[in-house]
Structures are given as C-alpha cells and as structure tokens.
Amino acid sequence: MPEFDAVFALEVRGVVSQIIRYGAVLLCLLACIHCAAQKADAFSVVGTLSKGAWIGILILGAVFALVFGAYGRPSFFVLIALAASLVYLLDIRTGLKDIGGSAY
C-alpha cells in the first residue's frame, strides 16, 4: 500500500503544478491584453517601464511558462511569469487607474 500512496502524491503534485502553470499563463495573457489597451504615455507618468517593455516581459513570461513548465515539476520560469504578471496587475495597473489612464 505505501507504493500507491507515493504514486498518488506524485500525481496530485503534478496536477497542482499544471494548475499553477496554466494560471500563470492566463494571468500573463490577461495582463498583456490590459497593457496593450493602455496609452503609451501613461506608463511614463506612472514612472515605470515603457508599454512595449511590459508587453515583451508578459509575452515572454507566458511563452517560457508554457515551454519550460514540465509536468510534475514546479518550474522557475512559471514562478517568474507569475511574479511578472502579478507585479503588472497589482502595481502598474493600479497606478494607471489612479492617474485616470485606464477605463478598467
């Protein structure tokens, strides 16, 4: 019976890893869509990277999370993609909303 428990634990770990992976990709894509809808000059008012730099970071994060996020193992690239999307959504997006540059 202990072998069954170990296999079950590895399968659960793999499923949770996949959920985190696809969640990071989804967050990156949503942040990228939001970033593309904003005015380019609003990013300089907030005092952050340019619009093109944020779009590039978010797209690369989504691609790296899809390509390098292997099944069953948490990937460093998935965590980087998740961090990049959360920084944009929680910091930059709120800054854009505060200056009135966002309709969302």
PDB file of N, CA and C in Angstrom:
ATOM      1  N   MET A   1       0.782  -1.205   0.000  1.00  0.00           N
ATOM      2  CA  MET A   1       0.000   0.000   0.000  1.00  0.00           C
ATOM      3  C   MET A   1       0.834   1.285   0.000  1.00  0.00           C
ATOM      4  N   PRO A   2       2.017   1.329   0.600  1.00  0.00           N
ATOM      5  CA  PRO A   2       2.791   2.571   0.588  1.00  0.00           C
ATOM      6  C   PRO A   2       3.173   3.028  -0.818  1.00  0.00           C
ATOM      7  N   GLU A   3       3.335   2.080  -1.770  1.00  0.00           N
ATOM      8  CA  GLU A   3       3.675   2.474  -3.124  1.00  0.00           C
ATOM      9  C   GLU A   3       2.531   3.258  -3.765  1.00  0.00           C
ATOM     10  N   PHE A   4       1.305   2.846  -3.466  1.00  0.00           N
ATOM     11  CA  PHE A   4       0.137   3.544  -4.002  1.00  0.00           C
ATOM     12  C   PHE A   4       0.072   4.973  -3.474  1.00  0.00           C
ATOM     13  N   ASP A   5       0.378   5.166  -2.204  1.00  0.00           N
ATOM     14  CA  ASP A   5       0.352   6.499  -1.615  1.00  0.00           C
ATOM     15  C   ASP A   5       1.372   7.412  -2.263  1.00  0.00           C
ATOM     16  N   ALA A   6       2.556   6.882  -2.547  1.00  0.00           N
ATOM     17  CA  ALA A   6       3.596   7.697  -3.167  1.00  0.00           C
ATOM     18  C   ALA A   6       3.217   8.081  -4.591  1.00  0.00           C
ATOM     19  N   VAL A   7       2.637   7.153  -5.331  1.00  0.00           N
ATOM     20  CA  VAL A   7       2.222   7.437  -6.706  1.00  0.00           C
ATOM     21  C   VAL A   7       1.095   8.464  -6.707  1.00  0.00           C
ATOM     22  N   PHE A   8       0.147   8.310  -5.794  1.00  0.00           N
ATOM     23  CA  PHE A   8      -0.960   9.258  -5.700  1.00  0.00           C
ATOM     24  C   PHE A   8      -0.454  10.655  -5.356  1.00  0.00           C
ATOM     25  N   ALA A   9       0.503  10.739  -4.443  1.00  0.00           N
ATOM     26  CA  ALA A   9       1.054  12.036  -4.060  1.00  0.00           C
ATOM     27  C   ALA A   9       1.772  12.700  -5.228  1.00  0.00           C
ATOM     28  N   LEU A  10       2.486  11.927  -6.017  1.00  0.00           N
ATOM     29  CA  LEU A  10       3.165  12.487  -7.179  1.00  0.00           C
ATOM     30  C   LEU A  10       2.176  12.953  -8.241  1.00  0.00           C
ATOM     31  N   GLU A  11       1.076  12.224  -8.401  1.00  0.00           N
ATOM     32  CA  GLU A  11       0.066  12.637  -9.366  1.00  0.00           C
ATOM     33  C   GLU A  11      -0.637  13.914  -8.916  1.00  0.00           C
ATOM     34  N   VAL A  12      -0.920  14.022  -7.646  1.00  0.00           N
ATOM     35  CA  VAL A  12      -1.542  15.244  -7.124  1.00  0.00           C
ATOM     36  C   VAL A  12      -0.593  16.419  -7.282  1.00  0.00           C
ATOM     37  N   ARG A  13       0.677  16.208  -7.009  1.00  0.00           N
ATOM     38  CA  ARG A  13       1.677  17.260  -7.179  1.00  0.00           C
ATOM     39  C   ARG A  13       1.752  17.705  -8.639  1.00  0.00           C
ATOM     40  N   GLY A  14       1.670  16.757  -9.556  1.00  0.00           N
ATOM     41  CA  GLY A  14       1.692  17.095 -10.973  1.00  0.00           C
ATOM     42  C   GLY A  14       0.485  17.904 -11.402  1.00  0.00           C
ATOM     43  N   VAL A  15      -0.692  17.539 -10.897  1.00  0.00           N
ATOM     44  CA  VAL A  15      -1.911  18.267 -11.243  1.00  0.00           C
ATOM     45  C   VAL A  15      -1.862  19.688 -10.677  1.00  0.00           C
ATOM     46  N   VAL A  16      -1.419  19.835  -9.445  1.00  0.00           N
ATOM     47  CA  VAL A  16      -1.316  21.171  -8.843  1.00  0.00           C
ATOM     48  C   VAL A  16      -0.296  22.021  -9.601  1.00  0.00           C
ATOM     49  N   SER A  17       0.793  21.410 -10.017  1.00  0.00           N
ATOM     50  CA  SER A  17       1.806  22.118 -10.795  1.00  0.00           C
ATOM     51  C   SER A  17       1.233  22.590 -12.134  1.00  0.00           C
ATOM     52  N   GLN A  18       0.439  21.770 -12.771  1.00  0.00           N
ATOM     53  CA  GLN A  18      -0.177  22.156 -14.038  1.00  0.00           C
ATOM     54  C   GLN A  18      -1.188  23.287 -13.841  1.00  0.00           C
ATOM     55  N   ILE A  19      -1.944  23.251 -12.761  1.00  0.00           N
ATOM     56  CA  ILE A  19      -2.903  24.318 -12.477  1.00  0.00           C
ATOM     57  C   ILE A  19      -2.170  25.635 -12.280  1.00  0.00           C
ATOM     58  N   ILE A  20      -1.077  25.614 -11.540  1.00  0.00           N
ATOM     59  CA  ILE A  20      -0.288  26.829 -11.330  1.00  0.00           C
ATOM     60  C   ILE A  20       0.300  27.303 -12.648  1.00  0.00           C
ATOM     61  N   ARG A  21       0.766  26.372 -13.459  1.00  0.00           N
ATOM     62  CA  ARG A  21       1.376  26.723 -14.747  1.00  0.00           C
ATOM     63  C   ARG A  21       0.366  27.417 -15.655  1.00  0.00           C
ATOM     64  N   TYR A  22      -0.800  26.812 -15.841  1.00  0.00           N
ATOM     65  CA  TYR A  22      -1.792  27.410 -16.723  1.00  0.00           C
ATOM     66  C   TYR A  22      -2.390  28.683 -16.126  1.00  0.00           C
ATOM     67  N   GLY A  23      -2.454  28.761 -14.819  1.00  0.00           N
ATOM     68  CA  GLY A  23      -2.891  30.003 -14.181  1.00  0.00           C
ATOM     69  C   GLY A  23      -1.918  31.140 -14.429  1.00  0.00           C
ATOM     70  N   ALA A  24      -0.618  30.844 -14.378  1.00  0.00           N
ATOM     71  CA  ALA A  24       0.399  31.864 -14.657  1.00  0.00           C
ATOM     72  C   ALA A  24       0.328  32.320 -16.102  1.00  0.00           C
ATOM     73  N   VAL A  25       0.120  31.382 -17.018  1.00  0.00           N
ATOM     74  CA  VAL A  25      -0.001  31.747 -18.434  1.00  0.00           C
ATOM     75  C   VAL A  25      -1.240  32.602 -18.654  1.00  0.00           C
ATOM     76  N   LEU A  26      -2.348  32.236 -18.046  1.00  0.00           N
ATOM     77  CA  LEU A  26      -3.580  33.012 -18.180  1.00  0.00           C
ATOM     78  C   LEU A  26      -3.411  34.416 -17.607  1.00  0.00           C
ATOM     79  N   LEU A  27      -2.797  34.525 -16.437  1.00  0.00           N
ATOM     80  CA  LEU A  27      -2.566  35.849 -15.855  1.00  0.00           C
ATOM     81  C   LEU A  27      -1.653  36.694 -16.734  1.00  0.00           C
ATOM     82  N   CYS A  28      -0.625  36.093 -17.305  1.00  0.00           N
ATOM     83  CA  CYS A  28       0.263  36.833 -18.210  1.00  0.00           C
ATOM     84  C   CYS A  28      -0.488  37.347 -19.429  1.00  0.00           C
ATOM     85  N   LEU A  29      -1.338  36.505 -19.992  1.00  0.00           N
ATOM     86  CA  LEU A  29      -2.082  36.923 -21.177  1.00  0.00           C
ATOM     87  C   LEU A  29      -3.110  38.002 -20.852  1.00  0.00           C
ATOM     88  N   LEU A  30      -3.780  37.886 -19.717  1.00  0.00           N
ATOM     89  CA  LEU A  30      -4.726  38.927 -19.316  1.00  0.00           C
ATOM     90  C   LEU A  30      -4.019  40.255 -19.045  1.00  0.00           C
ATOM     91  N   ALA A  31      -2.871  40.188 -18.396  1.00  0.00           N
ATOM     92  CA  ALA A  31      -2.102  41.407 -18.136  1.00  0.00           C
ATOM     93  C   ALA A  31      -1.596  42.016 -19.440  1.00  0.00           C
ATOM     94  N   CYS A  32      -1.210  41.173 -20.393  1.00  0.00           N
ATOM     95  CA  CYS A  32      -0.735  41.659 -21.680  1.00  0.00           C
ATOM     96  C   CYS A  32      -1.859  42.349 -22.453  1.00  0.00           C
ATOM     97  N   ILE A  33      -3.049  41.788 -22.410  1.00  0.00           N
ATOM     98  CA  ILE A  33      -4.196  42.401 -23.079  1.00  0.00           C
ATOM     99  C   ILE A  33      -4.516  43.753 -22.437  1.00  0.00           C
ATOM    100  N   HIS A  34      -4.482  43.804 -21.121  1.00  0.00           N
ATOM    101  CA  HIS A  34      -4.733  45.072 -20.437  1.00  0.00           C
ATOM    102  C   HIS A  34      -3.663  46.096 -20.788  1.00  0.00           C
ATOM    103  N   CYS A  35      -2.416  45.661 -20.832  1.00  0.00           N
ATOM    104  CA  CYS A  35      -1.308  46.555 -21.149  1.00  0.00           C
ATOM    105  C   CYS A  35      -1.436  47.105 -22.569  1.00  0.00           C
ATOM    106  N   ALA A  36      -1.848  46.264 -23.504  1.00  0.00           N
ATOM    107  CA  ALA A  36      -1.984  46.695 -24.893  1.00  0.00           C
ATOM    108  C   ALA A  36      -3.105  47.721 -25.066  1.00  0.00           C
ATOM    109  N   ALA A  37      -4.086  47.705 -24.194  1.00  0.00           N
ATOM    110  CA  ALA A  37      -5.215  48.625 -24.306  1.00  0.00           C
ATOM    111  C   ALA A  37      -4.929  50.001 -23.698  1.00  0.00           C
ATOM    112  N   GLN A  38      -3.799  50.173 -23.042  1.00  0.00           N
ATOM    113  CA  GLN A  38      -3.485  51.429 -22.367  1.00  0.00           C
ATOM    114  C   GLN A  38      -2.738  52.382 -23.302  1.00  0.00           C
ATOM    115  N   LYS A  39      -2.746  53.654 -22.947  1.00  0.00           N
ATOM    116  CA  LYS A  39      -1.992  54.655 -23.696  1.00  0.00           C
ATOM    117  C   LYS A  39      -0.517  54.536 -23.340  1.00  0.00           C
ATOM    118  N   ALA A  40       0.335  54.735 -24.322  1.00  0.00           N
ATOM    119  CA  ALA A  40       1.777  54.567 -24.110  1.00  0.00           C
ATOM    120  C   ALA A  40       2.349  55.633 -23.183  1.00  0.00           C
ATOM    121  N   ASP A  41       1.826  56.851 -23.246  1.00  0.00           N
ATOM    122  CA  ASP A  41       2.377  57.918 -22.404  1.00  0.00           C
ATOM    123  C   ASP A  41       1.974  57.792 -20.942  1.00  0.00           C
ATOM    124  N   ALA A  42       0.964  56.988 -20.646  1.00  0.00           N
ATOM    125  CA  ALA A  42       0.542  56.804 -19.253  1.00  0.00           C
ATOM    126  C   ALA A  42       1.590  56.051 -18.445  1.00  0.00           C
ATOM    127  N   PHE A  43       2.387  55.227 -19.098  1.00  0.00           N
ATOM    128  CA  PHE A  43       3.407  54.457 -18.390  1.00  0.00           C
ATOM    129  C   PHE A  43       4.532  55.350 -17.879  1.00  0.00           C
ATOM    130  N   SER A  44       4.860  56.395 -18.632  1.00  0.00           N
ATOM    131  CA  SER A  44       5.900  57.308 -18.156  1.00  0.00           C
ATOM    132  C   SER A  44       5.392  58.159 -17.001  1.00  0.00           C
ATOM    133  N   VAL A  45       4.104  58.451 -16.983  1.00  0.00           N
ATOM    134  CA  VAL A  45       3.527  59.214 -15.870  1.00  0.00           C
ATOM    135  C   VAL A  45       3.577  58.392 -14.589  1.00  0.00           C
ATOM    136  N   VAL A  46       3.318  57.109 -14.699  1.00  0.00           N
ATOM    137  CA  VAL A  46       3.355  56.228 -13.528  1.00  0.00           C
ATOM    138  C   VAL A  46       4.792  56.058 -13.042  1.00  0.00           C
ATOM    139  N   GLY A  47       5.752  56.179 -13.949  1.00  0.00           N
ATOM    140  CA  GLY A  47       7.154  56.046 -13.565  1.00  0.00           C
ATOM    141  C   GLY A  47       7.651  54.617 -13.621  1.00  0.00           C
ATOM    142  N   THR A  48       7.280  53.916 -14.656  1.00  0.00           N
ATOM    143  CA  THR A  48       7.664  52.516 -14.799  1.00  0.00           C
ATOM    144  C   THR A  48       8.254  52.289 -16.182  1.00  0.00           C
ATOM    145  N   LEU A  49       8.470  51.043 -16.521  1.00  0.00           N
ATOM    146  CA  LEU A  49       8.969  50.698 -17.844  1.00  0.00           C
ATOM    147  C   LEU A  49       7.962  51.106 -18.910  1.00  0.00           C
ATOM    148  N   SER A  50       8.417  51.132 -20.147  1.00  0.00           N
ATOM    149  CA  SER A  50       7.527  51.527 -21.233  1.00  0.00           C
ATOM    150  C   SER A  50       6.487  50.441 -21.512  1.00  0.00           C
ATOM    151  N   LYS A  51       5.505  50.821 -22.306  1.00  0.00           N
ATOM    152  CA  LYS A  51       4.437  49.891 -22.668  1.00  0.00           C
ATOM    153  C   LYS A  51       4.998  48.694 -23.430  1.00  0.00           C
ATOM    154  N   GLY A  52       5.899  48.928 -24.350  1.00  0.00           N
ATOM    155  CA  GLY A  52       6.495  47.850 -25.128  1.00  0.00           C
ATOM    156  C   GLY A  52       7.303  46.889 -24.270  1.00  0.00           C
ATOM    157  N   ALA A  53       8.003  47.433 -23.282  1.00  0.00           N
ATOM    158  CA  ALA A  53       8.786  46.574 -22.387  1.00  0.00           C
ATOM    159  C   ALA A  53       7.877  45.679 -21.568  1.00  0.00           C
ATOM    160  N   TRP A  54       6.775  46.213 -21.062  1.00  0.00           N
ATOM    161  CA  TRP A  54       5.853  45.390 -20.280  1.00  0.00           C
ATOM    162  C   TRP A  54       5.187  44.326 -21.137  1.00  0.00           C
ATOM    163  N   ILE A  55       4.811  44.686 -22.367  1.00  0.00           N
ATOM    164  CA  ILE A  55       4.215  43.686 -23.249  1.00  0.00           C
ATOM    165  C   ILE A  55       5.217  42.578 -23.540  1.00  0.00           C
ATOM    166  N   GLY A  56       6.463  42.941 -23.790  1.00  0.00           N
ATOM    167  CA  GLY A  56       7.504  41.938 -24.034  1.00  0.00           C
ATOM    168  C   GLY A  56       7.742  41.038 -22.844  1.00  0.00           C
ATOM    169  N   ILE A  57       7.811  41.612 -21.661  1.00  0.00           N
ATOM    170  CA  ILE A  57       8.021  40.823 -20.441  1.00  0.00           C
ATOM    171  C   ILE A  57       6.871  39.841 -20.232  1.00  0.00           C
ATOM    172  N   LEU A  58       5.661  40.305 -20.422  1.00  0.00           N
ATOM    173  CA  LEU A  58       4.499  39.455 -20.181  1.00  0.00           C
ATOM    174  C   LEU A  58       4.362  38.357 -21.229  1.00  0.00           C
ATOM    175  N   ILE A  59       4.644  38.664 -22.484  1.00  0.00           N
ATOM    176  CA  ILE A  59       4.581  37.637 -23.527  1.00  0.00           C
ATOM    177  C   ILE A  59       5.680  36.602 -23.318  1.00  0.00           C
ATOM    178  N   LEU A  60       6.895  37.052 -23.041  1.00  0.00           N
ATOM    179  CA  LEU A  60       7.985  36.106 -22.780  1.00  0.00           C
ATOM    180  C   LEU A  60       7.693  35.242 -21.551  1.00  0.00           C
ATOM    181  N   GLY A  61       7.106  35.829 -20.529  1.00  0.00           N
ATOM    182  CA  GLY A  61       6.728  35.053 -19.356  1.00  0.00           C
ATOM    183  C   GLY A  61       5.725  33.966 -19.689  1.00  0.00           C
ATOM    184  N   ALA A  62       4.727  34.291 -20.504  1.00  0.00           N
ATOM    185  CA  ALA A  62       3.726  33.297 -20.892  1.00  0.00           C
ATOM    186  C   ALA A  62       4.350  32.187 -21.740  1.00  0.00           C
ATOM    187  N   VAL A  63       5.208  32.577 -22.677  1.00  0.00           N
ATOM    188  CA  VAL A  63       5.837  31.571 -23.543  1.00  0.00           C
ATOM    189  C   VAL A  63       6.774  30.673 -22.740  1.00  0.00           C
ATOM    190  N   PHE A  64       7.597  31.264 -21.878  1.00  0.00           N
ATOM    191  CA  PHE A  64       8.519  30.455 -21.076  1.00  0.00           C
ATOM    192  C   PHE A  64       7.768  29.538 -20.116  1.00  0.00           C
ATOM    193  N   ALA A  65       6.655  30.007 -19.574  1.00  0.00           N
ATOM    194  CA  ALA A  65       5.877  29.154 -18.672  1.00  0.00           C
ATOM    195  C   ALA A  65       5.277  27.979 -19.423  1.00  0.00           C
ATOM    196  N   LEU A  66       4.849  28.198 -20.662  1.00  0.00           N
ATOM    197  CA  LEU A  66       4.302  27.092 -21.447  1.00  0.00           C
ATOM    198  C   LEU A  66       5.375  26.111 -21.891  1.00  0.00           C
ATOM    199  N   VAL A  67       6.517  26.643 -22.318  1.00  0.00           N
ATOM    200  CA  VAL A  67       7.556  25.786 -22.880  1.00  0.00           C
ATOM    201  C   VAL A  67       8.332  25.043 -21.798  1.00  0.00           C
ATOM    202  N   PHE A  68       8.734  25.756 -20.749  1.00  0.00           N
ATOM    203  CA  PHE A  68       9.616  25.168 -19.758  1.00  0.00           C
ATOM    204  C   PHE A  68       8.906  24.639 -18.512  1.00  0.00           C
ATOM    205  N   GLY A  69       7.607  24.782 -18.423  1.00  0.00           N
ATOM    206  CA  GLY A  69       6.875  24.257 -17.272  1.00  0.00           C
ATOM    207  C   GLY A  69       6.568  22.783 -17.472  1.00  0.00           C
ATOM    208  N   ALA A  70       7.452  21.926 -17.016  1.00  0.00           N
ATOM    209  CA  ALA A  70       7.302  20.485 -17.253  1.00  0.00           C
ATOM    210  C   ALA A  70       6.264  19.896 -16.304  1.00  0.00           C
ATOM    211  N   TYR A  71       5.659  18.812 -16.711  1.00  0.00           N
ATOM    212  CA  TYR A  71       4.618  18.159 -15.917  1.00  0.00           C
ATOM    213  C   TYR A  71       5.222  17.547 -14.654  1.00  0.00           C
ATOM    214  N   GLY A  72       4.617  17.853 -13.541  1.00  0.00           N
ATOM    215  CA  GLY A  72       5.024  17.234 -12.293  1.00  0.00           C
ATOM    216  C   GLY A  72       6.130  17.953 -11.543  1.00  0.00           C
ATOM    217  N   ARG A  73       6.742  18.940 -12.177  1.00  0.00           N
ATOM    218  CA  ARG A  73       7.818  19.669 -11.506  1.00  0.00           C
ATOM    219  C   ARG A  73       7.506  21.156 -11.536  1.00  0.00           C
ATOM    220  N   PRO A  74       7.586  21.832 -10.420  1.00  0.00           N
ATOM    221  CA  PRO A  74       7.417  23.284 -10.456  1.00  0.00           C
ATOM    222  C   PRO A  74       8.625  23.912 -11.142  1.00  0.00           C
ATOM    223  N   SER A  75       8.379  24.832 -12.024  1.00  0.00           N
ATOM    224  CA  SER A  75       9.436  25.429 -12.819  1.00  0.00           C
ATOM    225  C   SER A  75       9.723  26.849 -12.343  1.00  0.00           C
ATOM    226  N   PHE A  76      10.986  27.200 -12.424  1.00  0.00           N
ATOM    227  CA  PHE A  76      11.414  28.553 -12.069  1.00  0.00           C
ATOM    228  C   PHE A  76      10.797  29.572 -13.028  1.00  0.00           C
ATOM    229  N   PHE A  77      10.646  29.197 -14.301  1.00  0.00           N
ATOM    230  CA  PHE A  77      10.075  30.105 -15.290  1.00  0.00           C
ATOM    231  C   PHE A  77       8.595  30.361 -15.030  1.00  0.00           C
ATOM    232  N   VAL A  78       7.899  29.383 -14.514  1.00  0.00           N
ATOM    233  CA  VAL A  78       6.493  29.575 -14.173  1.00  0.00           C
ATOM    234  C   VAL A  78       6.369  30.584 -13.033  1.00  0.00           C
ATOM    235  N   LEU A  79       7.256  30.470 -12.053  1.00  0.00           N
ATOM    236  CA  LEU A  79       7.221  31.410 -10.935  1.00  0.00           C
ATOM    237  C   LEU A  79       7.589  32.821 -11.379  1.00  0.00           C
ATOM    238  N   ILE A  80       8.527  32.949 -12.310  1.00  0.00           N
ATOM    239  CA  ILE A  80       8.895  34.262 -12.839  1.00  0.00           C
ATOM    240  C   ILE A  80       7.717  34.867 -13.611  1.00  0.00           C
ATOM    241  N   ALA A  81       7.044  34.054 -14.431  1.00  0.00           N
ATOM    242  CA  ALA A  81       5.884  34.530 -15.186  1.00  0.00           C
ATOM    243  C   ALA A  81       4.768  34.968 -14.245  1.00  0.00           C
ATOM    244  N   LEU A  82       4.554  34.202 -13.197  1.00  0.00           N
ATOM    245  CA  LEU A  82       3.533  34.551 -12.214  1.00  0.00           C
ATOM    246  C   LEU A  82       3.887  35.857 -11.505  1.00  0.00           C
ATOM    247  N   ALA A  83       5.143  36.009 -11.147  1.00  0.00           N
ATOM    248  CA  ALA A  83       5.581  37.239 -10.471  1.00  0.00           C
ATOM    249  C   ALA A  83       5.450  38.446 -11.395  1.00  0.00           C
ATOM    250  N   ALA A  84       5.837  38.310 -12.651  1.00  0.00           N
ATOM    251  CA  ALA A  84       5.755  39.434 -13.595  1.00  0.00           C
ATOM    252  C   ALA A  84       4.308  39.869 -13.800  1.00  0.00           C
ATOM    253  N   SER A  85       3.416  38.909 -13.969  1.00  0.00           N
ATOM    254  CA  SER A  85       2.017  39.267 -14.174  1.00  0.00           C
ATOM    255  C   SER A  85       1.405  39.888 -12.927  1.00  0.00           C
ATOM    256  N   LEU A  86       1.774  39.390 -11.758  1.00  0.00           N
ATOM    257  CA  LEU A  86       1.237  39.974 -10.525  1.00  0.00           C
ATOM    258  C   LEU A  86       1.782  41.370 -10.267  1.00  0.00           C
ATOM    259  N   VAL A  87       3.044  41.616 -10.594  1.00  0.00           N
ATOM    260  CA  VAL A  87       3.602  42.965 -10.450  1.00  0.00           C
ATOM    261  C   VAL A  87       2.857  43.925 -11.356  1.00  0.00           C
ATOM    262  N   TYR A  88       2.614  43.508 -12.596  1.00  0.00           N
ATOM    263  CA  TYR A  88       1.878  44.389 -13.500  1.00  0.00           C
ATOM    264  C   TYR A  88       0.459  44.629 -13.002  1.00  0.00           C
ATOM    265  N   LEU A  89      -0.249  43.557 -12.665  1.00  0.00           N
ATOM    266  CA  LEU A  89      -1.658  43.705 -12.295  1.00  0.00           C
ATOM    267  C   LEU A  89      -1.860  44.416 -10.962  1.00  0.00           C
ATOM    268  N   LEU A  90      -0.973  44.185 -10.004  1.00  0.00           N
ATOM    269  CA  LEU A  90      -1.172  44.767  -8.676  1.00  0.00           C
ATOM    270  C   LEU A  90      -0.508  46.122  -8.502  1.00  0.00           C
ATOM    271  N   ASP A  91       0.522  46.418  -9.272  1.00  0.00           N
ATOM    272  CA  ASP A  91       1.235  47.679  -9.102  1.00  0.00           C
ATOM    273  C   ASP A  91       0.992  48.634 -10.265  1.00  0.00           C
ATOM    274  N   ILE A  92       1.322  48.223 -11.449  1.00  0.00           N
ATOM    275  CA  ILE A  92       1.246  49.107 -12.610  1.00  0.00           C
ATOM    276  C   ILE A  92      -0.199  49.401 -12.978  1.00  0.00           C
ATOM    277  N   ARG A  93      -1.039  48.390 -12.983  1.00  0.00           N
ATOM    278  CA  ARG A  93      -2.443  48.589 -13.336  1.00  0.00           C
ATOM    279  C   ARG A  93      -3.135  49.556 -12.373  1.00  0.00           C
ATOM    280  N   THR A  94      -2.851  49.409 -11.084  1.00  0.00           N
ATOM    281  CA  THR A  94      -3.460  50.329 -10.122  1.00  0.00           C
ATOM    282  C   THR A  94      -2.912  51.741 -10.289  1.00  0.00           C
ATOM    283  N   GLY A  95      -1.636  51.863 -10.641  1.00  0.00           N
ATOM    284  CA  GLY A  95      -1.077  53.188 -10.911  1.00  0.00           C
ATOM    285  C   GLY A  95      -1.713  53.832 -12.125  1.00  0.00           C
ATOM    286  N   LEU A  96      -1.954  53.049 -13.156  1.00  0.00           N
ATOM    287  CA  LEU A  96      -2.629  53.561 -14.338  1.00  0.00           C
ATOM    288  C   LEU A  96      -4.067  53.965 -14.029  1.00  0.00           C
ATOM    289  N   LYS A  97      -4.708  53.191 -13.175  1.00  0.00           N
ATOM    290  CA  LYS A  97      -6.078  53.506 -12.791  1.00  0.00           C
ATOM    291  C   LYS A  97      -6.138  54.785 -11.960  1.00  0.00           C
ATOM    292  N   ASP A  98      -5.125  55.001 -11.111  1.00  0.00           N
ATOM    293  CA  ASP A  98      -5.088  56.190 -10.263  1.00  0.00           C
ATOM    294  C   ASP A  98      -4.923  57.477 -11.055  1.00  0.00           C
ATOM    295  N   ILE A  99      -4.159  57.426 -12.148  1.00  0.00           N
ATOM    296  CA  ILE A  99      -3.968  58.649 -12.943  1.00  0.00           C
ATOM    297  C   ILE A  99      -5.086  58.858 -13.941  1.00  0.00           C
ATOM    298  N   GLY A 100      -5.998  57.902 -14.055  1.00  0.00           N
ATOM    299  CA  GLY A 100      -7.129  58.041 -14.955  1.00  0.00           C
ATOM    300  C   GLY A 100      -6.825  57.590 -16.375  1.00  0.00           C
ATOM    301  N   GLY A 101      -5.756  56.855 -16.567  1.00  0.00           N
ATOM    302  CA  GLY A 101      -5.398  56.401 -17.901  1.00  0.00           C
ATOM    303  C   GLY A 101      -6.041  55.080 -18.261  1.00  0.00           C
ATOM    304  N   SER A 102      -6.866  54.530 -17.395  1.00  0.00           N
ATOM    305  CA  SER A 102      -7.457  53.226 -17.667  1.00  0.00           C
ATOM    306  C   SER A 102      -8.965  53.299 -17.511  1.00  0.00           C
ATOM    307  N   ALA A 103      -9.642  52.596 -18.392  1.00  0.00           N
ATOM    308  CA  ALA A 103     -11.094  52.526 -18.297  1.00  0.00           C
ATOM    309  C   ALA A 103     -11.527  51.320 -17.487  1.00  0.00           C
ATOM    310  N   TYR A 104     -10.582  50.470 -17.073  1.00  0.00           N
ATOM    311  CA  TYR A 104     -10.913  49.232 -16.373  1.00  0.00           C
ATOM    312  C   TYR A 104     -10.674  49.372 -14.896  1.00  0.00           C
TER     313      TYR A 104
END
